[in-house]
PDB file of N, CA and C in Angstrom:
ATOM      1  N   MET A   1      26.802  92.920 -17.943  1.00  0.00           N
ATOM      2  CA  MET A   1      25.770  93.648 -17.217  1.00  0.00           C
ATOM      3  C   MET A   1      24.683  92.598 -16.782  1.00  0.00           C
ATOM      4  N   HIS A   2      24.573  91.494 -17.417  1.00  0.00           N
ATOM      5  CA  HIS A   2      23.627  90.476 -16.912  1.00  0.00           C
ATOM      6  C   HIS A   2      23.963  90.013 -15.566  1.00  0.00           C
ATOM      7  N   ASP A   3      25.150  90.074 -15.017  1.00  0.00           N
ATOM      8  CA  ASP A   3      25.566  89.696 -13.788  1.00  0.00           C
ATOM      9  C   ASP A   3      24.831  90.619 -12.674  1.00  0.00           C
ATOM     10  N   TYR A   4      24.815  91.911 -13.155  1.00  0.00           N
ATOM     11  CA  TYR A   4      24.117  92.878 -12.234  1.00  0.00           C
ATOM     12  C   TYR A   4      22.701  92.547 -12.039  1.00  0.00           C
ATOM     13  N   HIS A   5      21.914  92.200 -13.269  1.00  0.00           N
ATOM     14  CA  HIS A   5      20.532  91.851 -13.141  1.00  0.00           C
ATOM     15  C   HIS A   5      20.324  90.624 -12.365  1.00  0.00           C
ATOM     16  N   LYS A   6      21.245  89.662 -12.443  1.00  0.00           N
ATOM     17  CA  LYS A   6      21.130  88.517 -11.560  1.00  0.00           C
ATOM     18  C   LYS A   6      21.223  88.680 -10.237  1.00  0.00           C
ATOM     19  N   ALA A   7      22.021  89.673  -9.785  1.00  0.00           N
ATOM     20  CA  ALA A   7      22.017  90.061  -8.320  1.00  0.00           C
ATOM     21  C   ALA A   7      20.871  90.740  -7.884  1.00  0.00           C
ATOM     22  N   VAL A   8      20.279  91.585  -8.804  1.00  0.00           N
ATOM     23  CA  VAL A   8      18.959  92.161  -8.503  1.00  0.00           C
ATOM     24  C   VAL A   8      17.863  91.064  -8.293  1.00  0.00           C
ATOM     25  N   ASP A   9      17.906  90.159  -9.170  1.00  0.00           N
ATOM     26  CA  ASP A   9      17.009  89.032  -8.886  1.00  0.00           C
ATOM     27  C   ASP A   9      17.135  88.209  -7.712  1.00  0.00           C
ATOM     28  N   MET A  10      18.418  88.037  -7.311  1.00  0.00           N
ATOM     29  CA  MET A  10      18.791  87.362  -6.085  1.00  0.00           C
ATOM     30  C   MET A  10      18.171  88.088  -4.887  1.00  0.00           C
ATOM     31  N   VAL A  11      18.322  89.377  -4.816  1.00  0.00           N
ATOM     32  CA  VAL A  11      17.908  90.176  -3.613  1.00  0.00           C
ATOM     33  C   VAL A  11      16.399  90.121  -3.627  1.00  0.00           C
ATOM     34  N   ASN A  12      15.701  90.250  -4.876  1.00  0.00           N
ATOM     35  CA  ASN A  12      14.173  90.226  -4.896  1.00  0.00           C
ATOM     36  C   ASN A  12      13.747  88.793  -4.409  1.00  0.00           C
ATOM     37  N   PHE A  13      14.405  87.750  -4.922  1.00  0.00           N
ATOM     38  CA  PHE A  13      13.982  86.426  -4.505  1.00  0.00           C
ATOM     39  C   PHE A  13      14.278  86.227  -2.945  1.00  0.00           C
ATOM     40  N   ALA A  14      15.297  86.757  -2.511  1.00  0.00           N
ATOM     41  CA  ALA A  14      15.527  86.454  -1.016  1.00  0.00           C
ATOM     42  C   ALA A  14      14.628  87.320  -0.057  1.00  0.00           C
ATOM     43  N   LYS A  15      14.261  88.514  -0.648  1.00  0.00           N
ATOM     44  CA  LYS A  15      13.385  89.443   0.253  1.00  0.00           C
ATOM     45  C   LYS A  15      11.929  88.729   0.264  1.00  0.00           C
ATOM     46  N   GLU A  16      11.497  88.209  -0.939  1.00  0.00           N
ATOM     47  CA  GLU A  16      10.237  87.512  -0.922  1.00  0.00           C
ATOM     48  C   GLU A  16      10.229  86.314  -0.101  1.00  0.00           C
ATOM     49  N   LYS A  17      11.252  85.475  -0.294  1.00  0.00           N
ATOM     50  CA  LYS A  17      11.354  84.295   0.568  1.00  0.00           C
ATOM     51  C   LYS A  17      11.313  84.473   2.101  1.00  0.00           C
ATOM     52  N   ALA A  18      12.163  85.510   2.510  1.00  0.00           N
ATOM     53  CA  ALA A  18      12.250  85.887   3.968  1.00  0.00           C
ATOM     54  C   ALA A  18      10.856  86.436   4.379  1.00  0.00           C
ATOM     55  N   GLU A  19      10.221  87.182   3.568  1.00  0.00           N
ATOM     56  CA  GLU A  19       8.800  87.582   3.963  1.00  0.00           C
ATOM     57  C   GLU A  19       7.865  86.497   4.157  1.00  0.00           C
ATOM     58  N   GLN A  20       7.900  85.491   3.160  1.00  0.00           N
ATOM     59  CA  GLN A  20       7.146  84.185   3.407  1.00  0.00           C
ATOM     60  C   GLN A  20       7.382  83.550   4.668  1.00  0.00           C
ATOM     61  N   LEU A  21       8.677  83.531   4.959  1.00  0.00           N
ATOM     62  CA  LEU A  21       9.100  82.741   6.202  1.00  0.00           C
ATOM     63  C   LEU A  21       8.876  83.555   7.526  1.00  0.00           C
ATOM     64  N   GLY A  22       8.464  84.918   7.371  1.00  0.00           N
ATOM     65  CA  GLY A  22       8.360  85.680   8.505  1.00  0.00           C
ATOM     66  C   GLY A  22       9.609  86.079   9.130  1.00  0.00           C
ATOM     67  N   LYS A  23      10.651  86.278   8.340  1.00  0.00           N
ATOM     68  CA  LYS A  23      11.969  86.519   8.808  1.00  0.00           C
ATOM     69  C   LYS A  23      12.370  87.941   8.323  1.00  0.00           C
ATOM     70  N   SER A  24      13.218  88.632   9.165  1.00  0.00           N
ATOM     71  CA  SER A  24      13.493  90.023   8.939  1.00  0.00           C
ATOM     72  C   SER A  24      14.963  90.218   8.473  1.00  0.00           C
ATOM     73  N   LYS A  25      15.761  89.220   8.377  1.00  0.00           N
ATOM     74  CA  LYS A  25      17.073  89.374   7.977  1.00  0.00           C
ATOM     75  C   LYS A  25      17.616  88.107   7.247  1.00  0.00           C
ATOM     76  N   VAL A  26      18.145  88.266   6.006  1.00  0.00           N
ATOM     77  CA  VAL A  26      18.674  87.169   5.278  1.00  0.00           C
ATOM     78  C   VAL A  26      20.181  87.135   5.577  1.00  0.00           C
ATOM     79  N   THR A  27      20.525  85.948   5.976  1.00  0.00           N
ATOM     80  CA  THR A  27      22.030  85.902   6.360  1.00  0.00           C
ATOM     81  C   THR A  27      22.933  85.250   5.428  1.00  0.00           C
ATOM     82  N   LYS A  28      22.172  84.458   4.480  1.00  0.00           N
ATOM     83  CA  LYS A  28      23.031  83.705   3.479  1.00  0.00           C
ATOM     84  C   LYS A  28      22.083  83.330   2.323  1.00  0.00           C
ATOM     85  N   ILE A  29      22.657  83.395   1.091  1.00  0.00           N
ATOM     86  CA  ILE A  29      22.084  82.961  -0.167  1.00  0.00           C
ATOM     87  C   ILE A  29      22.878  81.979  -0.820  1.00  0.00           C
ATOM     88  N   ASN A  30      22.344  80.879  -1.173  1.00  0.00           N
ATOM     89  CA  ASN A  30      23.118  79.756  -1.798  1.00  0.00           C
ATOM     90  C   ASN A  30      22.602  79.864  -3.253  1.00  0.00           C
ATOM     91  N   ILE A  31      23.710  79.757  -4.149  1.00  0.00           N
ATOM     92  CA  ILE A  31      23.544  79.944  -5.490  1.00  0.00           C
ATOM     93  C   ILE A  31      24.362  78.934  -6.237  1.00  0.00           C
ATOM     94  N   VAL A  32      23.936  78.544  -7.379  1.00  0.00           N
ATOM     95  CA  VAL A  32      24.704  77.532  -8.288  1.00  0.00           C
ATOM     96  C   VAL A  32      24.995  78.295  -9.540  1.00  0.00           C
ATOM     97  N   VAL A  33      26.318  78.197 -10.022  1.00  0.00           N
ATOM     98  CA  VAL A  33      26.820  78.867 -11.156  1.00  0.00           C
ATOM     99  C   VAL A  33      27.585  77.862 -12.058  1.00  0.00           C
ATOM    100  N   GLY A  34      26.987  77.469 -13.168  1.00  0.00           N
ATOM    101  CA  GLY A  34      27.698  76.469 -14.084  1.00  0.00           C
ATOM    102  C   GLY A  34      28.849  77.173 -14.778  1.00  0.00           C
ATOM    103  N   GLU A  35      29.885  76.468 -15.040  1.00  0.00           N
ATOM    104  CA  GLU A  35      31.102  77.027 -15.800  1.00  0.00           C
ATOM    105  C   GLU A  35      30.745  77.623 -17.109  1.00  0.00           C
ATOM    106  N   SER A  36      29.691  77.034 -17.747  1.00  0.00           N
ATOM    107  CA  SER A  36      29.377  77.454 -19.186  1.00  0.00           C
ATOM    108  C   SER A  36      28.014  78.357 -19.123  1.00  0.00           C
ATOM    109  N   SER A  37      27.739  78.884 -17.881  1.00  0.00           N
ATOM    110  CA  SER A  37      26.447  79.669 -17.829  1.00  0.00           C
ATOM    111  C   SER A  37      26.499  81.022 -18.491  1.00  0.00           C
ATOM    112  N   GLY A  38      27.734  81.584 -18.697  1.00  0.00           N
ATOM    113  CA  GLY A  38      27.908  82.872 -19.124  1.00  0.00           C
ATOM    114  C   GLY A  38      27.924  83.939 -18.023  1.00  0.00           C
ATOM    115  N   TYR A  39      27.928  83.465 -16.684  1.00  0.00           N
ATOM    116  CA  TYR A  39      27.782  84.422 -15.565  1.00  0.00           C
ATOM    117  C   TYR A  39      29.062  84.210 -14.831  1.00  0.00           C
ATOM    118  N   SER A  40      29.569  85.274 -14.172  1.00  0.00           N
ATOM    119  CA  SER A  40      30.660  85.372 -13.356  1.00  0.00           C
ATOM    120  C   SER A  40      30.181  85.374 -11.809  1.00  0.00           C
ATOM    121  N   ALA A  41      30.566  84.386 -11.062  1.00  0.00           N
ATOM    122  CA  ALA A  41      30.205  84.285  -9.669  1.00  0.00           C
ATOM    123  C   ALA A  41      30.716  85.566  -9.010  1.00  0.00           C
ATOM    124  N   ASP A  42      32.049  85.923  -9.245  1.00  0.00           N
ATOM    125  CA  ASP A  42      32.631  87.031  -8.622  1.00  0.00           C
ATOM    126  C   ASP A  42      31.855  88.366  -8.920  1.00  0.00           C
ATOM    127  N   SER A  43      31.493  88.571 -10.078  1.00  0.00           N
ATOM    128  CA  SER A  43      30.739  89.730 -10.454  1.00  0.00           C
ATOM    129  C   SER A  43      29.484  89.753  -9.795  1.00  0.00           C
ATOM    130  N   ILE A  44      28.743  88.643  -9.733  1.00  0.00           N
ATOM    131  CA  ILE A  44      27.433  88.621  -9.120  1.00  0.00           C
ATOM    132  C   ILE A  44      27.539  88.964  -7.680  1.00  0.00           C
ATOM    133  N   CYS A  45      28.604  88.443  -6.894  1.00  0.00           N
ATOM    134  CA  CYS A  45      28.878  88.637  -5.517  1.00  0.00           C
ATOM    135  C   CYS A  45      29.063  90.176  -5.395  1.00  0.00           C
ATOM    136  N   MET A  46      29.884  90.685  -6.296  1.00  0.00           N
ATOM    137  CA  MET A  46      30.305  92.175  -6.105  1.00  0.00           C
ATOM    138  C   MET A  46      28.930  93.051  -6.336  1.00  0.00           C
ATOM    139  N   TYR A  47      28.221  92.782  -7.278  1.00  0.00           N
ATOM    140  CA  TYR A  47      26.962  93.500  -7.481  1.00  0.00           C
ATOM    141  C   TYR A  47      25.877  93.184  -6.399  1.00  0.00           C
ATOM    142  N   PHE A  48      25.959  91.951  -5.873  1.00  0.00           N
ATOM    143  CA  PHE A  48      24.906  91.769  -4.720  1.00  0.00           C
ATOM    144  C   PHE A  48      25.229  92.633  -3.595  1.00  0.00           C
ATOM    145  N   LYS A  49      26.487  92.816  -3.260  1.00  0.00           N
ATOM    146  CA  LYS A  49      26.844  93.795  -2.145  1.00  0.00           C
ATOM    147  C   LYS A  49      26.182  95.096  -2.238  1.00  0.00           C
ATOM    148  N   GLU A  50      26.378  95.602  -3.686  1.00  0.00           N
ATOM    149  CA  GLU A  50      25.875  96.833  -3.978  1.00  0.00           C
ATOM    150  C   GLU A  50      24.331  97.046  -3.835  1.00  0.00           C
ATOM    151  N   VAL A  51      23.614  96.017  -4.620  1.00  0.00           N
ATOM    152  CA  VAL A  51      22.126  96.189  -4.719  1.00  0.00           C
ATOM    153  C   VAL A  51      21.422  95.708  -3.379  1.00  0.00           C
ATOM    154  N   SER A  52      22.144  95.131  -2.486  1.00  0.00           N
ATOM    155  CA  SER A  52      21.540  94.535  -1.287  1.00  0.00           C
ATOM    156  C   SER A  52      21.593  95.721  -0.157  1.00  0.00           C
ATOM    157  N   GLU A  53      22.300  96.683  -0.372  1.00  0.00           N
ATOM    158  CA  GLU A  53      22.425  97.794   0.713  1.00  0.00           C
ATOM    159  C   GLU A  53      21.061  98.349   0.935  1.00  0.00           C
ATOM    160  N   GLY A  54      20.639  98.416   2.235  1.00  0.00           N
ATOM    161  CA  GLY A  54      19.446  99.019   2.694  1.00  0.00           C
ATOM    162  C   GLY A  54      18.298  97.910   2.613  1.00  0.00           C
ATOM    163  N   THR A  55      18.510  96.747   2.236  1.00  0.00           N
ATOM    164  CA  THR A  55      17.488  95.702   2.212  1.00  0.00           C
ATOM    165  C   THR A  55      17.760  94.548   3.307  1.00  0.00           C
ATOM    166  N   VAL A  56      16.796  93.722   3.408  1.00  0.00           N
ATOM    167  CA  VAL A  56      16.985  92.663   4.377  1.00  0.00           C
ATOM    168  C   VAL A  56      18.093  91.786   4.071  1.00  0.00           C
ATOM    169  N   CYS A  57      18.711  91.896   2.998  1.00  0.00           N
ATOM    170  CA  CYS A  57      19.781  91.091   2.450  1.00  0.00           C
ATOM    171  C   CYS A  57      21.164  91.729   2.681  1.00  0.00           C
ATOM    172  N   GLU A  58      21.169  92.984   3.170  1.00  0.00           N
ATOM    173  CA  GLU A  58      22.392  93.695   3.390  1.00  0.00           C
ATOM    174  C   GLU A  58      23.266  92.861   4.307  1.00  0.00           C
ATOM    175  N   GLY A  59      24.578  92.621   3.975  1.00  0.00           N
ATOM    176  CA  GLY A  59      25.477  91.842   4.751  1.00  0.00           C
ATOM    177  C   GLY A  59      25.451  90.333   4.587  1.00  0.00           C
ATOM    178  N   ALA A  60      24.494  89.917   3.903  1.00  0.00           N
ATOM    179  CA  ALA A  60      24.247  88.354   3.764  1.00  0.00           C
ATOM    180  C   ALA A  60      25.449  87.795   2.975  1.00  0.00           C
ATOM    181  N   GLU A  61      25.802  86.550   3.355  1.00  0.00           N
ATOM    182  CA  GLU A  61      26.835  85.836   2.594  1.00  0.00           C
ATOM    183  C   GLU A  61      26.269  85.297   1.386  1.00  0.00           C
ATOM    184  N   VAL A  62      27.098  85.225   0.337  1.00  0.00           N
ATOM    185  CA  VAL A  62      26.583  84.614  -0.915  1.00  0.00           C
ATOM    186  C   VAL A  62      27.500  83.423  -1.011  1.00  0.00           C
ATOM    187  N   SER A  63      26.899  82.110  -0.854  1.00  0.00           N
ATOM    188  CA  SER A  63      27.580  80.906  -1.042  1.00  0.00           C
ATOM    189  C   SER A  63      27.414  80.347  -2.460  1.00  0.00           C
ATOM    190  N   VAL A  64      28.630  80.163  -3.115  1.00  0.00           N
ATOM    191  CA  VAL A  64      28.508  79.790  -4.602  1.00  0.00           C
ATOM    192  C   VAL A  64      28.998  78.312  -4.691  1.00  0.00           C
ATOM    193  N   LYS A  65      28.102  77.467  -5.455  1.00  0.00           N
ATOM    194  CA  LYS A  65      28.404  76.175  -5.802  1.00  0.00           C
ATOM    195  C   LYS A  65      28.865  76.241  -7.197  1.00  0.00           C
ATOM    196  N   HIS A  66      30.108  75.830  -7.650  1.00  0.00           N
ATOM    197  CA  HIS A  66      30.488  75.881  -8.993  1.00  0.00           C
ATOM    198  C   HIS A  66      30.199  74.646  -9.690  1.00  0.00           C
ATOM    199  N   ILE A  67      29.585  74.451 -10.839  1.00  0.00           N
ATOM    200  CA  ILE A  67      29.280  73.322 -11.568  1.00  0.00           C
ATOM    201  C   ILE A  67      30.162  73.189 -12.886  1.00  0.00           C
ATOM    202  N   LYS A  68      31.033  72.133 -12.901  1.00  0.00           N
ATOM    203  CA  LYS A  68      31.866  71.989 -14.098  1.00  0.00           C
ATOM    204  C   LYS A  68      31.052  71.509 -15.300  1.00  0.00           C
ATOM    205  N   SER A  69      31.407  72.081 -16.488  1.00  0.00           N
ATOM    206  CA  SER A  69      30.709  71.677 -17.732  1.00  0.00           C
ATOM    207  C   SER A  69      30.998  70.263 -18.119  1.00  0.00           C
ATOM    208  N   MET A  70      29.960  69.636 -18.623  1.00  0.00           N
ATOM    209  CA  MET A  70      30.144  68.170 -18.875  1.00  0.00           C
ATOM    210  C   MET A  70      29.695  68.015 -20.382  1.00  0.00           C
ATOM    211  N   LEU A  71      30.392  67.072 -21.126  1.00  0.00           N
ATOM    212  CA  LEU A  71      30.049  66.738 -22.481  1.00  0.00           C
ATOM    213  C   LEU A  71      29.177  65.433 -22.387  1.00  0.00           C
ATOM    214  N   GLN A  72      28.407  65.133 -23.373  1.00  0.00           N
ATOM    215  CA  GLN A  72      27.810  63.896 -23.381  1.00  0.00           C
ATOM    216  C   GLN A  72      28.039  63.125 -24.809  1.00  0.00           C
ATOM    217  N   CYS A  73      28.438  61.982 -24.681  1.00  0.00           N
ATOM    218  CA  CYS A  73      28.792  61.217 -25.865  1.00  0.00           C
ATOM    219  C   CYS A  73      27.415  60.841 -26.634  1.00  0.00           C
ATOM    220  N   PRO A  74      27.416  61.225 -27.915  1.00  0.00           N
ATOM    221  CA  PRO A  74      26.136  60.794 -28.767  1.00  0.00           C
ATOM    222  C   PRO A  74      25.947  59.346 -29.022  1.00  0.00           C
ATOM    223  N   ASN A  75      27.206  58.759 -29.002  1.00  0.00           N
ATOM    224  CA  ASN A  75      27.159  57.175 -29.348  1.00  0.00           C
ATOM    225  C   ASN A  75      26.822  56.325 -28.087  1.00  0.00           C
ATOM    226  N   CYS A  76      27.478  56.610 -26.958  1.00  0.00           N
ATOM    227  CA  CYS A  76      27.171  55.580 -25.782  1.00  0.00           C
ATOM    228  C   CYS A  76      26.539  56.345 -24.694  1.00  0.00           C
ATOM    229  N   GLY A  77      26.393  57.630 -24.672  1.00  0.00           N
ATOM    230  CA  GLY A  77      25.572  58.429 -23.633  1.00  0.00           C
ATOM    231  C   GLY A  77      26.374  58.822 -22.395  1.00  0.00           C
ATOM    232  N   GLU A  78      27.755  58.456 -22.468  1.00  0.00           N
ATOM    233  CA  GLU A  78      28.618  58.714 -21.328  1.00  0.00           C
ATOM    234  C   GLU A  78      28.651  60.232 -21.189  1.00  0.00           C
ATOM    235  N   LEU A  79      28.590  60.802 -19.831  1.00  0.00           N
ATOM    236  CA  LEU A  79      28.811  62.134 -19.429  1.00  0.00           C
ATOM    237  C   LEU A  79      30.178  62.183 -18.857  1.00  0.00           C
ATOM    238  N   TYR A  80      30.956  63.258 -19.314  1.00  0.00           N
ATOM    239  CA  TYR A  80      32.232  63.366 -18.804  1.00  0.00           C
ATOM    240  C   TYR A  80      32.783  64.861 -18.779  1.00  0.00           C
ATOM    241  N   ALA A  81      33.603  65.077 -18.042  1.00  0.00           N
ATOM    242  CA  ALA A  81      34.202  66.452 -17.926  1.00  0.00           C
ATOM    243  C   ALA A  81      34.850  66.995 -19.138  1.00  0.00           C
ATOM    244  N   ARG A  82      34.501  68.039 -19.622  1.00  0.00           N
ATOM    245  CA  ARG A  82      35.165  68.776 -20.716  1.00  0.00           C
ATOM    246  C   ARG A  82      36.716  69.056 -20.405  1.00  0.00           C
ATOM    247  N   LYS A  83      37.604  68.665 -21.223  1.00  0.00           N
ATOM    248  CA  LYS A  83      38.975  68.964 -21.199  1.00  0.00           C
ATOM    249  C   LYS A  83      39.384  69.983 -22.225  1.00  0.00           C
ATOM    250  N   LEU A  84      40.192  70.848 -22.038  1.00  0.00           N
ATOM    251  CA  LEU A  84      40.768  71.869 -22.965  1.00  0.00           C
ATOM    252  C   LEU A  84      41.242  71.067 -24.196  1.00  0.00           C
ATOM    253  N   MET A  85      40.646  71.479 -25.484  1.00  0.00           N
ATOM    254  CA  MET A  85      41.037  70.892 -26.697  1.00  0.00           C
ATOM    255  C   MET A  85      40.954  69.336 -26.890  1.00  0.00           C
ATOM    256  N   HIS A  86      40.194  68.638 -25.935  1.00  0.00           N
ATOM    257  CA  HIS A  86      40.024  67.270 -25.974  1.00  0.00           C
ATOM    258  C   HIS A  86      38.508  67.031 -25.769  1.00  0.00           C
ATOM    259  N   TYR A  87      37.801  66.547 -26.779  1.00  0.00           N
ATOM    260  CA  TYR A  87      36.243  66.282 -26.714  1.00  0.00           C
ATOM    261  C   TYR A  87      35.986  64.772 -26.779  1.00  0.00           C
ATOM    262  N   GLU A  88      36.904  64.001 -26.972  1.00  0.00           N
ATOM    263  CA  GLU A  88      36.737  62.509 -27.114  1.00  0.00           C
ATOM    264  C   GLU A  88      36.148  61.917 -25.940  1.00  0.00           C
ATOM    265  N   CYS A  89      35.048  61.092 -26.096  1.00  0.00           N
ATOM    266  CA  CYS A  89      34.513  60.274 -24.976  1.00  0.00           C
ATOM    267  C   CYS A  89      35.636  59.365 -24.427  1.00  0.00           C
ATOM    268  N   PRO A  90      35.790  59.274 -23.129  1.00  0.00           N
ATOM    269  CA  PRO A  90      36.754  58.285 -22.625  1.00  0.00           C
ATOM    270  C   PRO A  90      36.393  56.951 -22.739  1.00  0.00           C
ATOM    271  N   LYS A  91      35.065  56.655 -22.929  1.00  0.00           N
ATOM    272  CA  LYS A  91      34.638  55.272 -22.917  1.00  0.00           C
ATOM    273  C   LYS A  91      34.699  54.646 -24.418  1.00  0.00           C
ATOM    274  N   CYS A  92      34.366  55.542 -25.416  1.00  0.00           N
ATOM    275  CA  CYS A  92      34.333  54.917 -26.813  1.00  0.00           C
ATOM    276  C   CYS A  92      35.114  55.783 -27.820  1.00  0.00           C
ATOM    277  N   GLY A  93      35.573  57.003 -27.446  1.00  0.00           N
ATOM    278  CA  GLY A  93      36.314  57.741 -28.369  1.00  0.00           C
ATOM    279  C   GLY A  93      35.560  58.710 -29.297  1.00  0.00           C
ATOM    280  N   THR A  94      34.172  58.718 -29.360  1.00  0.00           N
ATOM    281  CA  THR A  94      33.397  59.439 -30.124  1.00  0.00           C
ATOM    282  C   THR A  94      33.422  60.868 -29.586  1.00  0.00           C
ATOM    283  N   GLU A  95      33.457  61.992 -30.524  1.00  0.00           N
ATOM    284  CA  GLU A  95      33.447  63.437 -30.045  1.00  0.00           C
ATOM    285  C   GLU A  95      32.125  63.658 -29.340  1.00  0.00           C
ATOM    286  N   GLY A  96      32.290  64.203 -28.089  1.00  0.00           N
ATOM    287  CA  GLY A  96      31.098  64.536 -27.271  1.00  0.00           C
ATOM    288  C   GLY A  96      30.399  65.859 -27.730  1.00  0.00           C
ATOM    289  N   GLU A  97      29.285  66.090 -27.333  1.00  0.00           N
ATOM    290  CA  GLU A  97      28.502  67.162 -27.440  1.00  0.00           C
ATOM    291  C   GLU A  97      28.157  67.835 -26.230  1.00  0.00           C
ATOM    292  N   PRO A  98      27.863  69.201 -26.205  1.00  0.00           N
ATOM    293  CA  PRO A  98      27.605  69.819 -24.967  1.00  0.00           C
ATOM    294  C   PRO A  98      26.298  69.339 -24.387  1.00  0.00           C
ATOM    295  N   SER A  99      26.362  69.260 -22.975  1.00  0.00           N
ATOM    296  CA  SER A  99      25.191  68.827 -22.213  1.00  0.00           C
ATOM    297  C   SER A  99      24.590  70.000 -21.517  1.00  0.00           C
ATOM    298  N   LYS A 100      23.565  69.890 -20.732  1.00  0.00           N
ATOM    299  CA  LYS A 100      23.041  70.930 -19.961  1.00  0.00           C
ATOM    300  C   LYS A 100      23.860  71.147 -18.674  1.00  0.00           C
ATOM    301  N   ILE A 101      24.584  70.240 -18.215  1.00  0.00           N
ATOM    302  CA  ILE A 101      25.421  70.211 -17.087  1.00  0.00           C
ATOM    303  C   ILE A 101      26.515  71.292 -17.170  1.00  0.00           C
ATOM    304  N   GLY A 102      26.457  72.371 -16.403  1.00  0.00           N
ATOM    305  CA  GLY A 102      27.466  73.330 -16.377  1.00  0.00           C
ATOM    306  C   GLY A 102      26.953  74.608 -16.927  1.00  0.00           C
ATOM    307  N   THR A 103      25.639  74.679 -17.308  1.00  0.00           N
ATOM    308  CA  THR A 103      24.975  75.798 -17.896  1.00  0.00           C
ATOM    309  C   THR A 103      23.985  76.517 -16.892  1.00  0.00           C
ATOM    310  N   GLU A 104      23.954  75.807 -15.721  1.00  0.00           N
ATOM    311  CA  GLU A 104      22.881  76.362 -14.752  1.00  0.00           C
ATOM    312  C   GLU A 104      23.381  77.597 -14.015  1.00  0.00           C
ATOM    313  N   ILE A 105      22.356  78.459 -13.799  1.00  0.00           N
ATOM    314  CA  ILE A 105      22.487  79.653 -12.940  1.00  0.00           C
ATOM    315  C   ILE A 105      21.311  79.693 -12.012  1.00  0.00           C
ATOM    316  N   GLU A 106      21.308  79.489 -10.821  1.00  0.00           N
ATOM    317  CA  GLU A 106      19.991  79.371  -9.994  1.00  0.00           C
ATOM    318  C   GLU A 106      20.346  79.660  -8.618  1.00  0.00           C
ATOM    319  N   ILE A 107      19.262  80.115  -7.888  1.00  0.00           N
ATOM    320  CA  ILE A 107      19.258  80.307  -6.435  1.00  0.00           C
ATOM    321  C   ILE A 107      18.783  78.911  -5.789  1.00  0.00           C
ATOM    322  N   GLU A 108      19.679  78.234  -4.986  1.00  0.00           N
ATOM    323  CA  GLU A 108      19.160  77.076  -4.312  1.00  0.00           C
ATOM    324  C   GLU A 108      18.370  77.295  -3.111  1.00  0.00           C
ATOM    325  N   GLY A 109      18.618  78.514  -2.410  1.00  0.00           N
ATOM    326  CA  GLY A 109      17.928  78.767  -1.191  1.00  0.00           C
ATOM    327  C   GLY A 109      18.609  79.820  -0.339  1.00  0.00           C
ATOM    328  N   ILE A 110      17.861  80.216   0.728  1.00  0.00           N
ATOM    329  CA  ILE A 110      18.395  81.178   1.634  1.00  0.00           C
ATOM    330  C   ILE A 110      18.441  80.764   3.065  1.00  0.00           C
ATOM    331  N   GLU A 111      19.110  81.423   3.870  1.00  0.00           N
ATOM    332  CA  GLU A 111      19.070  81.188   5.283  1.00  0.00           C
ATOM    333  C   GLU A 111      18.810  82.602   5.843  1.00  0.00           C
ATOM    334  N   ALA A 112      17.874  82.598   6.833  1.00  0.00           N
ATOM    335  CA  ALA A 112      17.337  83.927   7.379  1.00  0.00           C
ATOM    336  C   ALA A 112      17.089  83.820   8.891  1.00  0.00           C
ATOM    337  N   GLU A 113      16.973  84.800   9.568  1.00  0.00           N
ATOM    338  CA  GLU A 113      16.640  84.906  10.960  1.00  0.00           C
ATOM    339  C   GLU A 113      15.560  86.010  11.227  1.00  0.00           C
TER     340      GLU A 113
END
C-alpha cells in the first residue's frame, strides 16, 4: 500500500512544481527507484494513473530510473554490485555490507507545458 501513497506524493509534488513554473499540464515525471527501496516501480506507475485522473498530471508519462543495489567492503571501501548468494568483495574477498546505493526512492523532476 505504500506504493499508492508514493503515487499520491508524486501527483502532489508535480502539481505544486507545475504551479510554481506557471504550467497547466504535467507531461512527464522522472523518478528513481532503488532495487532495495521496498517499492515497486510498476505498482507506483499503476497507482499514478489512478490518482492523477482529473489533475494536471493526468496522462503524464512516468519515467523510471532503476538503481541496482550495491554493497560496500568494510575492509577496503570498494563499492560493488550485489550478486545472488555472493557477498565477497571482488577486490579483497571480505564480505560486503549494504550501502545506501539502491535504497533510494525519489522524484528527480517533472516536464510540463
